Amino acid sequence: MIKKHAWWIVTLIIIGSFIGFLVVQANRPGKYDAFAQCVADSGAKFYGAWWCPHCHDQKLLFGRSEKLLPYVECQTKSRDQLAVCEEAGIKNFPTWIYADGTRVVGVESFEELATKTGCEAPLETN
């Protein structure tokens, strides 16, 4: 009986440690936080859809710093276009709209984003 309880206690400690590790990792700053924040502060908007593989690629480029991107989700799970994206005239994903009104469809590199936003591009070393 004691061995059975000890096994459960050890299992709970391991699970708790794993969850704690995940929480700590999720809250660590990302490698490109400063750049992503600068892009957002520049007035740029990144329009995408949850199912879009290129949007996913754009987010992956930023790693953990993706959470700071000026991302606008354009579709519901039923693939209905959301009004904010219709108003912006978004037809393809991903679409970047910069503060000067320039539109670019497709994944943007750090260098392209830096040129269009005035932000300093980090070295891409993923």
C-alpha atoms as a PDB file:
ATOM      1  CA  MET A   1       0.000   0.000   0.000  1.00  0.00           C
ATOM      2  CA  ILE A   2       2.790   2.447   0.889  1.00  0.00           C
ATOM      3  CA  LYS A   3       4.601   1.643  -2.379  1.00  0.00           C
ATOM      4  CA  LYS A   4       1.417   2.411  -4.320  1.00  0.00           C
ATOM      5  CA  HIS A   5       1.095   5.841  -2.650  1.00  0.00           C
ATOM      6  CA  ALA A   6       4.812   6.556  -3.148  1.00  0.00           C
ATOM      7  CA  TRP A   7       4.456   5.796  -6.857  1.00  0.00           C
ATOM      8  CA  TRP A   8       1.574   8.269  -7.153  1.00  0.00           C
ATOM      9  CA  ILE A   9       3.493  10.931  -5.237  1.00  0.00           C
ATOM     10  CA  VAL A  10       6.563  10.516  -7.465  1.00  0.00           C
ATOM     11  CA  THR A  11       4.349  10.639 -10.570  1.00  0.00           C
ATOM     12  CA  LEU A  12       2.660  13.853  -9.380  1.00  0.00           C
ATOM     13  CA  ILE A  13       6.039  15.441  -8.595  1.00  0.00           C
ATOM     14  CA  ILE A  14       7.313  14.602 -12.085  1.00  0.00           C
ATOM     15  CA  ILE A  15       4.168  15.945 -13.768  1.00  0.00           C
ATOM     16  CA  GLY A  16       4.239  19.082 -11.614  1.00  0.00           C
ATOM     17  CA  SER A  17       7.910  19.659 -12.445  1.00  0.00           C
ATOM     18  CA  PHE A  18       7.204  19.290 -16.159  1.00  0.00           C
ATOM     19  CA  ILE A  19       4.307  21.755 -16.022  1.00  0.00           C
ATOM     20  CA  GLY A  20       6.454  24.199 -14.060  1.00  0.00           C
ATOM     21  CA  PHE A  21       9.202  23.893 -16.684  1.00  0.00           C
ATOM     22  CA  LEU A  22       6.730  24.639 -19.476  1.00  0.00           C
ATOM     23  CA  VAL A  23       5.392  27.709 -17.675  1.00  0.00           C
ATOM     24  CA  VAL A  24       8.902  29.070 -17.100  1.00  0.00           C
ATOM     25  CA  GLN A  25       9.855  28.447 -20.742  1.00  0.00           C
ATOM     26  CA  ALA A  26       6.707  30.139 -22.043  1.00  0.00           C
ATOM     27  CA  ASN A  27       7.435  33.270 -20.003  1.00  0.00           C
ATOM     28  CA  ARG A  28      11.082  33.627 -21.061  1.00  0.00           C
ATOM     29  CA  PRO A  29      11.768  36.493 -23.435  1.00  0.00           C
ATOM     30  CA  GLY A  30      12.186  35.623 -27.083  1.00  0.00           C
ATOM     31  CA  LYS A  31      15.371  36.102 -29.035  1.00  0.00           C
ATOM     32  CA  TYR A  32      13.746  38.650 -31.373  1.00  0.00           C
ATOM     33  CA  ASP A  33      11.488  40.477 -28.892  1.00  0.00           C
ATOM     34  CA  ALA A  34      13.026  43.899 -29.548  1.00  0.00           C
ATOM     35  CA  PHE A  35      12.683  43.523 -33.313  1.00  0.00           C
ATOM     36  CA  ALA A  36       9.116  42.176 -33.157  1.00  0.00           C
ATOM     37  CA  GLN A  37       8.127  45.010 -30.803  1.00  0.00           C
ATOM     38  CA  CYS A  38       9.711  47.591 -33.114  1.00  0.00           C
ATOM     39  CA  VAL A  39       7.818  46.131 -36.100  1.00  0.00           C
ATOM     40  CA  ALA A  40       4.574  46.369 -34.123  1.00  0.00           C
ATOM     41  CA  ASP A  41       5.375  49.908 -32.951  1.00  0.00           C
ATOM     42  CA  SER A  42       6.054  50.982 -36.556  1.00  0.00           C
ATOM     43  CA  GLY A  43       2.363  50.623 -37.417  1.00  0.00           C
ATOM     44  CA  ALA A  44       2.802  47.531 -39.602  1.00  0.00           C
ATOM     45  CA  LYS A  45       0.065  44.867 -39.535  1.00  0.00           C
ATOM     46  CA  PHE A  46       0.449  41.172 -40.346  1.00  0.00           C
ATOM     47  CA  TYR A  47      -2.841  39.656 -41.569  1.00  0.00           C
ATOM     48  CA  GLY A  48      -3.151  35.894 -41.648  1.00  0.00           C
ATOM     49  CA  ALA A  49      -5.314  32.851 -41.166  1.00  0.00           C
ATOM     50  CA  TRP A  50      -5.031  30.011 -38.671  1.00  0.00           C
ATOM     51  CA  TRP A  51      -4.821  27.410 -41.459  1.00  0.00           C
ATOM     52  CA  CYS A  52      -2.255  29.283 -43.609  1.00  0.00           C
ATOM     53  CA  PRO A  53       1.112  27.463 -43.861  1.00  0.00           C
ATOM     54  CA  HIS A  54       2.941  30.619 -44.977  1.00  0.00           C
ATOM     55  CA  CYS A  55       1.544  32.537 -41.998  1.00  0.00           C
ATOM     56  CA  HIS A  56       2.842  29.741 -39.799  1.00  0.00           C
ATOM     57  CA  ASP A  57       6.265  30.051 -41.489  1.00  0.00           C
ATOM     58  CA  GLN A  58       6.276  33.814 -40.830  1.00  0.00           C
ATOM     59  CA  LYS A  59       5.528  33.235 -37.159  1.00  0.00           C
ATOM     60  CA  LEU A  60       8.185  30.504 -36.917  1.00  0.00           C
ATOM     61  CA  LEU A  61      10.800  32.967 -38.168  1.00  0.00           C
ATOM     62  CA  PHE A  62      10.248  34.946 -34.951  1.00  0.00           C
ATOM     63  CA  GLY A  63      10.206  31.937 -32.628  1.00  0.00           C
ATOM     64  CA  ARG A  64       9.048  32.789 -29.111  1.00  0.00           C
ATOM     65  CA  SER A  65       8.918  36.486 -30.130  1.00  0.00           C
ATOM     66  CA  GLU A  66       5.943  35.753 -32.394  1.00  0.00           C
ATOM     67  CA  LYS A  67       3.627  36.815 -29.567  1.00  0.00           C
ATOM     68  CA  LEU A  68       4.745  40.432 -30.085  1.00  0.00           C
ATOM     69  CA  LEU A  69       3.990  40.568 -33.806  1.00  0.00           C
ATOM     70  CA  PRO A  70       1.167  42.872 -34.927  1.00  0.00           C
ATOM     71  CA  TYR A  71      -0.847  39.826 -36.062  1.00  0.00           C
ATOM     72  CA  VAL A  72      -4.482  40.070 -37.131  1.00  0.00           C
ATOM     73  CA  GLU A  73      -6.394  36.781 -37.483  1.00  0.00           C
ATOM     74  CA  CYS A  74      -8.636  36.964 -40.543  1.00  0.00           C
ATOM     75  CA  GLN A  75     -10.673  33.776 -40.457  1.00  0.00           C
ATOM     76  CA  THR A  76     -12.836  31.846 -38.080  1.00  0.00           C
ATOM     77  CA  LYS A  77     -12.615  28.061 -37.866  1.00  0.00           C
ATOM     78  CA  SER A  78     -15.438  27.932 -40.445  1.00  0.00           C
ATOM     79  CA  ARG A  79     -13.234  30.070 -42.722  1.00  0.00           C
ATOM     80  CA  ASP A  80     -15.519  33.090 -42.643  1.00  0.00           C
ATOM     81  CA  GLN A  81     -13.572  36.274 -43.326  1.00  0.00           C
ATOM     82  CA  LEU A  82     -13.588  38.600 -40.329  1.00  0.00           C
ATOM     83  CA  ALA A  83     -14.827  42.163 -40.845  1.00  0.00           C
ATOM     84  CA  VAL A  84     -11.517  43.829 -39.922  1.00  0.00           C
ATOM     85  CA  CYS A  85      -9.800  41.942 -42.731  1.00  0.00           C
ATOM     86  CA  GLU A  86     -12.591  42.593 -45.221  1.00  0.00           C
ATOM     87  CA  GLU A  87     -12.336  46.312 -44.442  1.00  0.00           C
ATOM     88  CA  ALA A  88      -8.575  46.158 -45.039  1.00  0.00           C
ATOM     89  CA  GLY A  89      -9.156  44.405 -48.390  1.00  0.00           C
ATOM     90  CA  ILE A  90      -7.213  41.282 -47.428  1.00  0.00           C
ATOM     91  CA  LYS A  91      -7.542  38.582 -50.115  1.00  0.00           C
ATOM     92  CA  ASN A  92      -4.375  36.498 -49.612  1.00  0.00           C
ATOM     93  CA  PHE A  93      -2.329  35.344 -46.643  1.00  0.00           C
ATOM     94  CA  PRO A  94      -0.040  36.426 -45.225  1.00  0.00           C
ATOM     95  CA  THR A  95      -0.455  40.091 -46.107  1.00  0.00           C
ATOM     96  CA  TRP A  96       1.660  42.789 -44.498  1.00  0.00           C
ATOM     97  CA  ILE A  97       0.374  46.359 -44.555  1.00  0.00           C
ATOM     98  CA  TYR A  98       2.932  48.964 -43.538  1.00  0.00           C
ATOM     99  CA  ALA A  99       2.353  52.411 -42.026  1.00  0.00           C
ATOM    100  CA  ASP A 100       2.847  54.069 -45.430  1.00  0.00           C
ATOM    101  CA  GLY A 101       0.069  51.898 -46.935  1.00  0.00           C
ATOM    102  CA  THR A 102       2.419  49.554 -48.800  1.00  0.00           C
ATOM    103  CA  ARG A 103       1.103  45.989 -49.062  1.00  0.00           C
ATOM    104  CA  VAL A 104       3.165  42.861 -49.443  1.00  0.00           C
ATOM    105  CA  VAL A 105       1.712  39.375 -49.814  1.00  0.00           C
ATOM    106  CA  GLY A 106       3.962  36.570 -48.621  1.00  0.00           C
ATOM    107  CA  VAL A 107       6.513  35.798 -45.949  1.00  0.00           C
ATOM    108  CA  GLU A 108       8.783  38.772 -45.241  1.00  0.00           C
ATOM    109  CA  SER A 109      12.413  38.287 -44.210  1.00  0.00           C
ATOM    110  CA  PHE A 110      13.898  40.235 -41.322  1.00  0.00           C
ATOM    111  CA  GLU A 111      15.759  42.407 -43.832  1.00  0.00           C
ATOM    112  CA  GLU A 112      12.561  43.223 -45.753  1.00  0.00           C
ATOM    113  CA  LEU A 113      10.712  44.018 -42.534  1.00  0.00           C
ATOM    114  CA  ALA A 114      13.589  46.205 -41.353  1.00  0.00           C
ATOM    115  CA  THR A 115      13.635  48.165 -44.618  1.00  0.00           C
ATOM    116  CA  LYS A 116       9.891  48.798 -44.533  1.00  0.00           C
ATOM    117  CA  THR A 117       9.618  49.577 -40.805  1.00  0.00           C
ATOM    118  CA  GLY A 118      12.884  51.357 -40.032  1.00  0.00           C
ATOM    119  CA  CYS A 119      13.694  48.729 -37.402  1.00  0.00           C
ATOM    120  CA  GLU A 120      17.156  47.227 -37.061  1.00  0.00           C
ATOM    121  CA  ALA A 121      17.157  43.668 -38.408  1.00  0.00           C
ATOM    122  CA  PRO A 122      18.644  41.041 -36.100  1.00  0.00           C
ATOM    123  CA  LEU A 123      20.922  38.385 -37.457  1.00  0.00           C
ATOM    124  CA  GLU A 124      18.826  35.338 -38.359  1.00  0.00           C
ATOM    125  CA  THR A 125      20.437  32.522 -36.436  1.00  0.00           C
ATOM    126  CA  ASN A 126      17.541  30.163 -35.652  1.00  0.00           C
END
